[in-house]
C-alpha atoms as a PDB file:
ATOM      1  CA  MET A   1     -23.621  -6.424  -2.542  1.00  0.00           C
ATOM      2  CA  HIS A   2     -21.888  -3.177  -3.511  1.00  0.00           C
ATOM      3  CA  LYS A   3     -20.767  -2.725  -7.074  1.00  0.00           C
ATOM      4  CA  GLY A   4     -17.239  -2.246  -5.780  1.00  0.00           C
ATOM      5  CA  LYS A   5     -17.258  -5.927  -4.839  1.00  0.00           C
ATOM      6  CA  LYS A   6     -18.476  -7.308  -8.136  1.00  0.00           C
ATOM      7  CA  LEU A   7     -16.102  -8.838 -10.643  1.00  0.00           C
ATOM      8  CA  LEU A   8     -16.936  -9.101 -14.308  1.00  0.00           C
ATOM      9  CA  PHE A   9     -14.898 -11.349 -16.580  1.00  0.00           C
ATOM     10  CA  ILE A  10     -15.358 -10.973 -20.298  1.00  0.00           C
ATOM     11  CA  LEU A  11     -13.899 -13.203 -22.939  1.00  0.00           C
ATOM     12  CA  HIS A  12     -14.485 -12.402 -26.549  1.00  0.00           C
ATOM     13  CA  ARG A  13     -12.729 -13.768 -29.604  1.00  0.00           C
ATOM     14  CA  SER A  14     -13.356 -13.109 -33.271  1.00  0.00           C
ATOM     15  CA  LYS A  15     -11.611 -14.005 -36.543  1.00  0.00           C
ATOM     16  CA  PHE A  16     -11.846 -11.606 -39.450  1.00  0.00           C
ATOM     17  CA  SER A  17      -9.561 -13.296 -42.039  1.00  0.00           C
ATOM     18  CA  LEU A  18      -6.550 -15.546 -42.407  1.00  0.00           C
ATOM     19  CA  ALA A  19      -4.411 -12.436 -42.124  1.00  0.00           C
ATOM     20  CA  PHE A  20      -5.820 -11.060 -38.914  1.00  0.00           C
ATOM     21  CA  PHE A  21      -7.430 -12.028 -35.673  1.00  0.00           C
ATOM     22  CA  SER A  22      -7.787 -10.413 -32.299  1.00  0.00           C
ATOM     23  CA  LEU A  23      -8.261 -11.817 -28.864  1.00  0.00           C
ATOM     24  CA  PHE A  24     -10.192  -9.717 -26.369  1.00  0.00           C
ATOM     25  CA  LEU A  25      -9.498 -10.759 -22.821  1.00  0.00           C
ATOM     26  CA  SER A  26     -10.609  -8.551 -19.987  1.00  0.00           C
ATOM     27  CA  PHE A  27     -11.484  -8.511 -16.377  1.00  0.00           C
ATOM     28  CA  ILE A  28     -13.126  -5.630 -14.576  1.00  0.00           C
ATOM     29  CA  LEU A  29     -13.531  -4.690 -10.992  1.00  0.00           C
ATOM     30  CA  ILE A  30     -16.480  -2.310 -10.962  1.00  0.00           C
ATOM     31  CA  ILE A  31     -15.629   1.049  -9.444  1.00  0.00           C
ATOM     32  CA  GLY A  32     -16.248   1.482  -5.729  1.00  0.00           C
ATOM     33  CA  THR A  33     -14.169   2.604  -2.807  1.00  0.00           C
ATOM     34  CA  THR A  34     -11.075   0.708  -3.936  1.00  0.00           C
ATOM     35  CA  TYR A  35      -9.138   0.589  -7.212  1.00  0.00           C
ATOM     36  CA  ALA A  36     -10.269  -1.091 -10.406  1.00  0.00           C
ATOM     37  CA  TRP A  37      -8.372  -2.365 -13.399  1.00  0.00           C
ATOM     38  CA  TYR A  38      -8.686  -4.749 -16.275  1.00  0.00           C
ATOM     39  CA  THR A  39      -6.810  -5.854 -19.369  1.00  0.00           C
ATOM     40  CA  GLU A  40      -7.465  -6.867 -22.919  1.00  0.00           C
ATOM     41  CA  SER A  41      -5.208  -8.383 -25.522  1.00  0.00           C
ATOM     42  CA  ASP A  42      -4.865  -7.712 -29.208  1.00  0.00           C
ATOM     43  CA  GLU A  43      -2.896  -9.869 -31.603  1.00  0.00           C
ATOM     44  CA  ARG A  44      -1.747  -9.123 -35.142  1.00  0.00           C
ATOM     45  CA  ILE A  45      -0.333 -11.866 -37.344  1.00  0.00           C
ATOM     46  CA  ASN A  46       1.941 -11.058 -40.283  1.00  0.00           C
ATOM     47  CA  ARG A  47       1.442 -14.017 -42.622  1.00  0.00           C
ATOM     48  CA  ILE A  48       2.972 -14.811 -45.976  1.00  0.00           C
ATOM     49  CA  GLU A  49       0.291 -16.305 -48.184  1.00  0.00           C
ATOM     50  CA  SER A  50       2.750 -18.538 -50.056  1.00  0.00           C
ATOM     51  CA  HIS A  51       3.299 -20.550 -46.865  1.00  0.00           C
ATOM     52  CA  ASN A  52       1.004 -23.542 -46.629  1.00  0.00           C
ATOM     53  CA  GLN A  53       1.554 -24.084 -42.917  1.00  0.00           C
ATOM     54  CA  HIS A  54      -0.416 -22.046 -40.442  1.00  0.00           C
ATOM     55  CA  LEU A  55       1.290 -19.191 -38.583  1.00  0.00           C
ATOM     56  CA  SER A  56      -0.384 -18.374 -35.302  1.00  0.00           C
ATOM     57  CA  ALA A  57       0.558 -17.043 -31.877  1.00  0.00           C
ATOM     58  CA  LYS A  58      -1.447 -15.890 -28.882  1.00  0.00           C
ATOM     59  CA  ILE A  59      -0.953 -13.834 -25.761  1.00  0.00           C
ATOM     60  CA  GLU A  60      -1.248 -15.896 -22.586  1.00  0.00           C
ATOM     61  CA  GLU A  61      -2.186 -14.142 -19.374  1.00  0.00           C
ATOM     62  CA  ASN A  62      -2.311 -15.475 -15.843  1.00  0.00           C
ATOM     63  CA  PHE A  63      -3.759 -13.066 -13.316  1.00  0.00           C
ATOM     64  CA  GLN A  64      -4.775 -13.032  -9.694  1.00  0.00           C
ATOM     65  CA  THR A  65      -8.403 -12.090  -9.156  1.00  0.00           C
ATOM     66  CA  VAL A  66      -8.705  -8.485  -7.996  1.00  0.00           C
ATOM     67  CA  ASP A  67     -11.017  -8.255  -4.988  1.00  0.00           C
ATOM     68  CA  GLN A  68      -9.574  -5.052  -3.535  1.00  0.00           C
ATOM     69  CA  TRP A  69      -6.967  -2.501  -4.470  1.00  0.00           C
ATOM     70  CA  SER A  70      -5.190  -0.607  -1.730  1.00  0.00           C
ATOM     71  CA  PRO A  71      -1.857   1.253  -1.674  1.00  0.00           C
ATOM     72  CA  GLY A  72       1.017  -1.222  -1.604  1.00  0.00           C
ATOM     73  CA  THR A  73      -1.057  -4.065  -3.040  1.00  0.00           C
ATOM     74  CA  THR A  74       0.608  -6.304  -5.659  1.00  0.00           C
ATOM     75  CA  LYS A  75      -1.415  -8.650  -7.858  1.00  0.00           C
ATOM     76  CA  ARG A  76      -0.099 -11.350 -10.164  1.00  0.00           C
ATOM     77  CA  LYS A  77      -0.445 -10.298 -13.809  1.00  0.00           C
ATOM     78  CA  GLU A  78       1.660 -12.486 -16.078  1.00  0.00           C
ATOM     79  CA  ILE A  79       1.995 -11.763 -19.789  1.00  0.00           C
ATOM     80  CA  ARG A  80       3.709 -14.085 -22.250  1.00  0.00           C
ATOM     81  CA  VAL A  81       3.258 -15.366 -25.814  1.00  0.00           C
ATOM     82  CA  LYS A  82       2.698 -18.904 -27.079  1.00  0.00           C
ATOM     83  CA  ASN A  83       3.248 -20.149 -30.612  1.00  0.00           C
ATOM     84  CA  ASP A  84       0.070 -22.137 -31.242  1.00  0.00           C
ATOM     85  CA  GLY A  85       0.682 -22.445 -34.974  1.00  0.00           C
ATOM     86  CA  GLU A  86       2.459 -24.909 -37.225  1.00  0.00           C
ATOM     87  CA  VAL A  87       5.615 -22.933 -38.073  1.00  0.00           C
ATOM     88  CA  ALA A  88       8.251 -20.953 -36.188  1.00  0.00           C
ATOM     89  CA  ALA A  89       7.419 -17.336 -35.385  1.00  0.00           C
ATOM     90  CA  ILE A  90       9.160 -14.189 -34.172  1.00  0.00           C
ATOM     91  CA  VAL A  91       7.071 -12.062 -31.805  1.00  0.00           C
ATOM     92  CA  ARG A  92       7.030  -8.633 -30.226  1.00  0.00           C
ATOM     93  CA  LEU A  93       4.774  -6.924 -27.679  1.00  0.00           C
ATOM     94  CA  SER A  94       3.712  -3.372 -26.916  1.00  0.00           C
ATOM     95  CA  LEU A  95       1.618  -2.005 -24.047  1.00  0.00           C
ATOM     96  CA  LYS A  96      -1.056   0.678 -23.850  1.00  0.00           C
ATOM     97  CA  GLU A  97      -2.516   2.107 -20.639  1.00  0.00           C
ATOM     98  CA  TYR A  98      -5.778   3.801 -19.749  1.00  0.00           C
ATOM     99  CA  PHE A  99      -6.497   5.592 -16.468  1.00  0.00           C
ATOM    100  CA  LEU A 100      -9.540   7.449 -15.179  1.00  0.00           C
ATOM    101  CA  TYR A 101      -9.906   8.899 -11.700  1.00  0.00           C
ATOM    102  CA  PHE A 102     -12.624  10.750  -9.865  1.00  0.00           C
ATOM    103  CA  GLU A 103     -13.188  13.889  -7.857  1.00  0.00           C
ATOM    104  CA  VAL A 104     -12.384  13.556  -4.151  1.00  0.00           C
ATOM    105  CA  ASP A 105     -14.052  15.562  -1.398  1.00  0.00           C
ATOM    106  CA  THR A 106     -11.299  17.788   0.038  1.00  0.00           C
ATOM    107  CA  THR A 107     -13.251  19.402   2.862  1.00  0.00           C
ATOM    108  CA  ASP A 108     -10.638  18.023   5.278  1.00  0.00           C
ATOM    109  CA  ASN A 109      -8.087  20.111   3.306  1.00  0.00           C
ATOM    110  CA  HIS A 110      -5.607  17.218   3.233  1.00  0.00           C
ATOM    111  CA  ARG A 111      -5.620  17.163  -0.560  1.00  0.00           C
ATOM    112  CA  GLU A 112      -4.360  20.747  -0.597  1.00  0.00           C
ATOM    113  CA  GLU A 113      -1.344  20.011   1.580  1.00  0.00           C
ATOM    114  CA  ILE A 114       1.528  19.289  -0.796  1.00  0.00           C
ATOM    115  CA  SER A 115       3.452  17.312   1.814  1.00  0.00           C
ATOM    116  CA  ARG A 116       0.541  14.900   2.387  1.00  0.00           C
ATOM    117  CA  TYR A 117      -0.416  12.142  -0.006  1.00  0.00           C
ATOM    118  CA  ASN A 118      -3.182  10.614   2.086  1.00  0.00           C
ATOM    119  CA  GLY A 119      -6.171  12.035   3.882  1.00  0.00           C
ATOM    120  CA  ASN A 120      -9.690  11.008   4.824  1.00  0.00           C
ATOM    121  CA  GLY A 121     -11.424  12.434   1.746  1.00  0.00           C
ATOM    122  CA  ASN A 122     -14.071  10.317   0.060  1.00  0.00           C
ATOM    123  CA  LEU A 123     -15.250  10.425  -3.521  1.00  0.00           C
ATOM    124  CA  THR A 124     -17.390  13.499  -4.172  1.00  0.00           C
ATOM    125  CA  VAL A 125     -21.041  12.525  -4.530  1.00  0.00           C
ATOM    126  CA  TYR A 126     -23.339  14.144  -7.096  1.00  0.00           C
ATOM    127  CA  GLY A 127     -27.106  13.743  -7.134  1.00  0.00           C
ATOM    128  CA  GLN A 128     -27.501  14.158 -10.898  1.00  0.00           C
ATOM    129  CA  PRO A 129     -25.629  12.397 -13.739  1.00  0.00           C
ATOM    130  CA  THR A 130     -23.924  13.776 -16.809  1.00  0.00           C
ATOM    131  CA  ASN A 131     -22.787  11.475 -19.617  1.00  0.00           C
ATOM    132  CA  ALA A 132     -22.575   7.931 -18.297  1.00  0.00           C
ATOM    133  CA  ILE A 133     -19.346   5.980 -17.776  1.00  0.00           C
ATOM    134  CA  ASP A 134     -19.445   2.359 -18.907  1.00  0.00           C
ATOM    135  CA  VAL A 135     -16.386   0.626 -17.451  1.00  0.00           C
ATOM    136  CA  SER A 136     -16.271  -1.812 -20.380  1.00  0.00           C
ATOM    137  CA  LYS A 137     -16.103   1.001 -22.958  1.00  0.00           C
ATOM    138  CA  VAL A 138     -13.067   3.270 -22.715  1.00  0.00           C
ATOM    139  CA  ALA A 139     -14.722   5.690 -25.140  1.00  0.00           C
ATOM    140  CA  THR A 140     -16.849   6.731 -22.147  1.00  0.00           C
ATOM    141  CA  TRP A 141     -13.842   7.258 -19.869  1.00  0.00           C
ATOM    142  CA  LYS A 142     -13.969  11.038 -20.183  1.00  0.00           C
ATOM    143  CA  LYS A 143     -13.358  13.924 -17.807  1.00  0.00           C
ATOM    144  CA  GLY A 144     -16.714  15.222 -16.571  1.00  0.00           C
ATOM    145  CA  ASN A 145     -18.612  11.989 -17.213  1.00  0.00           C
ATOM    146  CA  THR A 146     -20.265  10.313 -14.245  1.00  0.00           C
ATOM    147  CA  TYR A 147     -20.380   6.782 -12.879  1.00  0.00           C
ATOM    148  CA  GLU A 148     -23.659   5.655 -11.333  1.00  0.00           C
ATOM    149  CA  LEU A 149     -23.272   3.927  -7.990  1.00  0.00           C
ATOM    150  CA  SER A 150     -27.013   4.056  -7.316  1.00  0.00           C
ATOM    151  CA  ALA A 151     -30.065   5.974  -8.483  1.00  0.00           C
ATOM    152  CA  SER A 152     -29.011   9.076  -6.524  1.00  0.00           C
ATOM    153  CA  ILE A 153     -25.237   8.665  -6.144  1.00  0.00           C
ATOM    154  CA  TYR A 154     -22.884   9.563  -8.971  1.00  0.00           C
ATOM    155  CA  TYR A 155     -19.118  10.031  -9.115  1.00  0.00           C
ATOM    156  CA  LYS A 156     -17.661  12.507 -11.579  1.00  0.00           C
ATOM    157  CA  ALA A 157     -14.442  11.837 -13.503  1.00  0.00           C
ATOM    158  CA  LYS A 158     -11.748  14.379 -12.734  1.00  0.00           C
ATOM    159  CA  GLU A 159      -9.094  13.443 -15.318  1.00  0.00           C
ATOM    160  CA  ASP A 160      -8.594  10.843 -18.018  1.00  0.00           C
ATOM    161  CA  VAL A 161      -5.490   9.332 -19.611  1.00  0.00           C
ATOM    162  CA  LEU A 162      -6.449   7.327 -22.690  1.00  0.00           C
ATOM    163  CA  GLU A 163      -4.478   4.992 -24.947  1.00  0.00           C
ATOM    164  CA  ARG A 164      -1.107   6.047 -23.555  1.00  0.00           C
ATOM    165  CA  ASP A 165       1.824   4.100 -25.023  1.00  0.00           C
ATOM    166  CA  TYR A 166       3.977   2.548 -22.340  1.00  0.00           C
ATOM    167  CA  VAL A 167       7.577   3.740 -22.709  1.00  0.00           C
ATOM    168  CA  HIS A 168      10.006   1.491 -20.886  1.00  0.00           C
ATOM    169  CA  GLY A 169      12.728   3.168 -18.834  1.00  0.00           C
ATOM    170  CA  GLN A 170      11.048   6.572 -18.931  1.00  0.00           C
ATOM    171  CA  ASN A 171      10.128   8.432 -15.738  1.00  0.00           C
ATOM    172  CA  ARG A 172       6.389   8.133 -15.331  1.00  0.00           C
ATOM    173  CA  THR A 173       4.183  11.057 -14.362  1.00  0.00           C
ATOM    174  CA  LEU A 174       0.970  11.059 -12.376  1.00  0.00           C
ATOM    175  CA  PRO A 175      -1.509   9.496 -12.484  1.00  0.00           C
ATOM    176  CA  LEU A 176       0.192   6.531 -14.213  1.00  0.00           C
ATOM    177  CA  LYS A 177       3.113   6.894 -11.815  1.00  0.00           C
ATOM    178  CA  ALA A 178       0.816   5.387  -9.193  1.00  0.00           C
ATOM    179  CA  ILE A 179       0.750   2.111 -11.156  1.00  0.00           C
ATOM    180  CA  GLU A 180       3.914   0.019 -11.086  1.00  0.00           C
ATOM    181  CA  LEU A 181       4.437  -2.633 -13.759  1.00  0.00           C
ATOM    182  CA  ASN A 182       6.700  -5.359 -12.402  1.00  0.00           C
ATOM    183  CA  PHE A 183       8.585  -6.913 -15.292  1.00  0.00           C
ATOM    184  CA  HIS A 184      10.204 -10.335 -15.215  1.00  0.00           C
ATOM    185  CA  PRO A 185      13.558  -9.899 -13.422  1.00  0.00           C
ATOM    186  CA  ASN A 186      16.798 -10.095 -15.395  1.00  0.00           C
ATOM    187  CA  LYS A 187      15.017 -10.817 -18.671  1.00  0.00           C
ATOM    188  CA  ILE A 188      14.096  -7.322 -19.838  1.00  0.00           C
ATOM    189  CA  PHE A 189      16.756  -5.149 -21.471  1.00  0.00           C
ATOM    190  CA  GLU A 190      16.902  -1.794 -23.207  1.00  0.00           C
ATOM    191  CA  ASP A 191      20.701  -1.435 -23.285  1.00  0.00           C
ATOM    192  CA  HIS A 192      22.388  -4.176 -25.291  1.00  0.00           C
ATOM    193  CA  SER A 193      25.679  -3.591 -23.480  1.00  0.00           C
ATOM    194  CA  LYS A 194      24.037  -4.949 -20.313  1.00  0.00           C
ATOM    195  CA  ILE A 195      22.947  -8.242 -21.851  1.00  0.00           C
ATOM    196  CA  PRO A 196      25.120 -11.034 -20.375  1.00  0.00           C
ATOM    197  CA  PRO A 197      27.138 -13.201 -22.797  1.00  0.00           C
ATOM    198  CA  ASN A 198      25.171 -16.150 -24.174  1.00  0.00           C
ATOM    199  CA  GLU A 199      21.937 -14.778 -22.725  1.00  0.00           C
ATOM    200  CA  SER A 200      18.798 -16.244 -24.297  1.00  0.00           C
ATOM    201  CA  ARG A 201      15.023 -16.136 -23.940  1.00  0.00           C
ATOM    202  CA  TYR A 202      14.907 -12.428 -23.093  1.00  0.00           C
ATOM    203  CA  TRP A 203      12.919  -9.370 -24.175  1.00  0.00           C
ATOM    204  CA  TYR A 204      14.620  -6.313 -25.651  1.00  0.00           C
ATOM    205  CA  TYR A 205      12.827  -2.961 -25.596  1.00  0.00           C
ATOM    206  CA  GLU A 206      13.383  -0.690 -28.562  1.00  0.00           C
ATOM    207  CA  LYS A 207      11.273   2.089 -30.085  1.00  0.00           C
ATOM    208  CA  GLY A 208       8.029   1.186 -28.347  1.00  0.00           C
ATOM    209  CA  PHE A 209       8.205  -2.614 -28.639  1.00  0.00           C
ATOM    210  CA  PHE A 210       9.456  -5.523 -26.564  1.00  0.00           C
ATOM    211  CA  TYR A 211      11.130  -7.925 -29.012  1.00  0.00           C
ATOM    212  CA  TYR A 212      11.640 -11.562 -28.071  1.00  0.00           C
ATOM    213  CA  SER A 213      15.187 -12.778 -28.638  1.00  0.00           C
ATOM    214  CA  GLU A 214      14.310 -16.204 -30.037  1.00  0.00           C
ATOM    215  CA  ALA A 215      12.238 -17.639 -32.858  1.00  0.00           C
ATOM    216  CA  LEU A 216       9.449 -19.611 -31.191  1.00  0.00           C
ATOM    217  CA  LYS A 217       8.944 -23.143 -32.441  1.00  0.00           C
ATOM    218  CA  PRO A 218       5.382 -24.513 -32.533  1.00  0.00           C
ATOM    219  CA  GLY A 219       4.195 -25.062 -28.980  1.00  0.00           C
ATOM    220  CA  GLU A 220       6.930 -22.949 -27.378  1.00  0.00           C
ATOM    221  CA  ILE A 221       6.177 -20.173 -24.898  1.00  0.00           C
ATOM    222  CA  THR A 222       8.201 -17.039 -24.231  1.00  0.00           C
ATOM    223  CA  THR A 223       9.622 -15.959 -20.921  1.00  0.00           C
ATOM    224  CA  ASN A 224       7.129 -13.764 -19.050  1.00  0.00           C
ATOM    225  CA  LEU A 225       7.272 -10.131 -20.029  1.00  0.00           C
ATOM    226  CA  LEU A 226       5.281  -8.988 -17.006  1.00  0.00           C
ATOM    227  CA  ASP A 227       4.891 -10.738 -13.647  1.00  0.00           C
ATOM    228  CA  SER A 228       2.640  -8.453 -11.617  1.00  0.00           C
ATOM    229  CA  VAL A 229       1.114  -5.000 -11.141  1.00  0.00           C
ATOM    230  CA  SER A 230       1.304  -2.887  -7.969  1.00  0.00           C
ATOM    231  CA  LEU A 231      -0.373   0.209  -6.623  1.00  0.00           C
ATOM    232  CA  SER A 232       2.287   2.453  -5.118  1.00  0.00           C
ATOM    233  CA  THR A 233       2.281   2.879  -1.344  1.00  0.00           C
ATOM    234  CA  VAL A 234       2.514   6.670  -1.564  1.00  0.00           C
ATOM    235  CA  TYR A 235      -0.720   7.230  -3.492  1.00  0.00           C
ATOM    236  CA  GLY A 236      -4.038   6.758  -1.735  1.00  0.00           C
ATOM    237  CA  ASN A 237      -7.178   8.859  -1.736  1.00  0.00           C
ATOM    238  CA  PRO A 238      -6.384  11.023  -4.784  1.00  0.00           C
ATOM    239  CA  TYR A 239      -7.013   7.937  -6.946  1.00  0.00           C
ATOM    240  CA  LYS A 240      -9.711   6.236  -4.883  1.00  0.00           C
ATOM    241  CA  GLY A 241     -12.054   4.339  -7.194  1.00  0.00           C
ATOM    242  CA  ALA A 242      -9.808   4.852 -10.215  1.00  0.00           C
ATOM    243  CA  LEU A 243     -10.173   2.730 -13.345  1.00  0.00           C
ATOM    244  CA  TYR A 244      -6.993   1.327 -14.895  1.00  0.00           C
ATOM    245  CA  LYS A 245      -6.724  -0.680 -18.080  1.00  0.00           C
ATOM    246  CA  LEU A 246      -3.628  -2.395 -19.499  1.00  0.00           C
ATOM    247  CA  VAL A 247      -3.651  -3.584 -23.113  1.00  0.00           C
ATOM    248  CA  PRO A 248      -0.826  -5.841 -24.363  1.00  0.00           C
ATOM    249  CA  LYS A 249      -0.600  -6.008 -28.151  1.00  0.00           C
ATOM    250  CA  MET A 250       1.333  -8.672 -30.010  1.00  0.00           C
ATOM    251  CA  ASP A 251       2.782  -9.002 -33.518  1.00  0.00           C
ATOM    252  CA  ALA A 252       3.884 -12.380 -34.881  1.00  0.00           C
ATOM    253  CA  HIS A 253       5.829 -12.904 -38.107  1.00  0.00           C
ATOM    254  CA  HIS A 254       7.210 -15.755 -40.172  1.00  0.00           C
ATOM    255  CA  VAL A 255      10.951 -16.264 -39.786  1.00  0.00           C
ATOM    256  CA  THR A 256      11.767 -14.621 -43.107  1.00  0.00           C
ATOM    257  CA  HIS A 257      13.710 -11.561 -44.275  1.00  0.00           C
ATOM    258  CA  SER A 258      10.457  -9.725 -45.003  1.00  0.00           C
ATOM    259  CA  LEU A 259      10.226  -9.172 -41.231  1.00  0.00           C
ATOM    260  CA  ILE A 260      12.872  -6.445 -41.539  1.00  0.00           C
ATOM    261  CA  SER A 261      10.767  -4.321 -43.863  1.00  0.00           C
ATOM    262  CA  ASP A 262       7.385  -5.278 -42.397  1.00  0.00           C
ATOM    263  CA  TRP A 263       8.495  -4.152 -38.938  1.00  0.00           C
ATOM    264  CA  GLU A 264      10.534  -1.246 -40.342  1.00  0.00           C
ATOM    265  CA  LEU A 265      13.752  -2.269 -38.616  1.00  0.00           C
ATOM    266  CA  LYS A 266      16.869  -0.223 -39.366  1.00  0.00           C
ATOM    267  CA  PRO A 267      20.522  -1.375 -39.491  1.00  0.00           C
ATOM    268  CA  THR A 268      21.188   0.880 -36.501  1.00  0.00           C
ATOM    269  CA  ASP A 269      18.586  -0.978 -34.407  1.00  0.00           C
ATOM    270  CA  TYR A 270      19.814  -3.651 -32.021  1.00  0.00           C
ATOM    271  CA  VAL A 271      17.004  -6.026 -32.989  1.00  0.00           C
ATOM    272  CA  TYR A 272      17.889  -5.670 -36.684  1.00  0.00           C
ATOM    273  CA  ASN A 273      21.215  -7.304 -35.935  1.00  0.00           C
ATOM    274  CA  LEU A 274      19.728  -9.669 -33.359  1.00  0.00           C
ATOM    275  CA  TYR A 275      17.392 -11.164 -35.938  1.00  0.00           C
ATOM    276  CA  GLN A 276      19.946 -11.426 -38.736  1.00  0.00           C
ATOM    277  CA  GLY A 277      21.146 -14.688 -37.235  1.00  0.00           C
ATOM    278  CA  LEU A 278      17.601 -16.070 -37.121  1.00  0.00           C
ATOM    279  CA  LEU A 279      16.342 -15.210 -40.605  1.00  0.00           C
END
């Protein structure tokens, strides 16, 4: 079986203290002749030690197994947050992206024709390796490093985009433009004037974070932030075999006024005023 058909699912969880824990959740489609991507989650809990009850929240993800990526493909990738603690919590999310793609053989010259996005070029094969790419370690996702398909077949990384903050509403540039994040419809806002009257259970994007509009009671779950991920129909061979990683990061906080200073919210911020009625 080719490595491009193998799926590796990794689940790792560790607790460092009462003030911090992280959840590592990832799935990897090993690089081959299609597209590969995986995610991990990181959670930060802002606790007040004087509270006796336990504050805890976790990122919940529901994803469709990735067997193949091809242009125009959409896969379910749901992201939401659950309060699994004993007290109410206010939560926010941010997203980071990683992308690595490989050299493509352009002997057909299609890659050099600006008007053409697709051609019949395959990944360029090298007989000798350089520094090895480990798909589970983004520190190895470097331009010039090679991925070993077999003992005599290596693919060389052409460009890398590492730990890029997702900025909602901003025009994306290649290569990340090839990846489309499909957010939950009618529940994501970045302009408060467009929020319908009496709207609830929504996410508001401001200064790099998606803030949830409600305080979550124990056991409650947010509206989905993300529903799915797509590979654009107009990008094909240039990103054949590419690795893509999406990392949602979550902050949870007690429903107290210290949230304002801990999260460095300003009176001019929409969420500053949104949360005044909750604290």
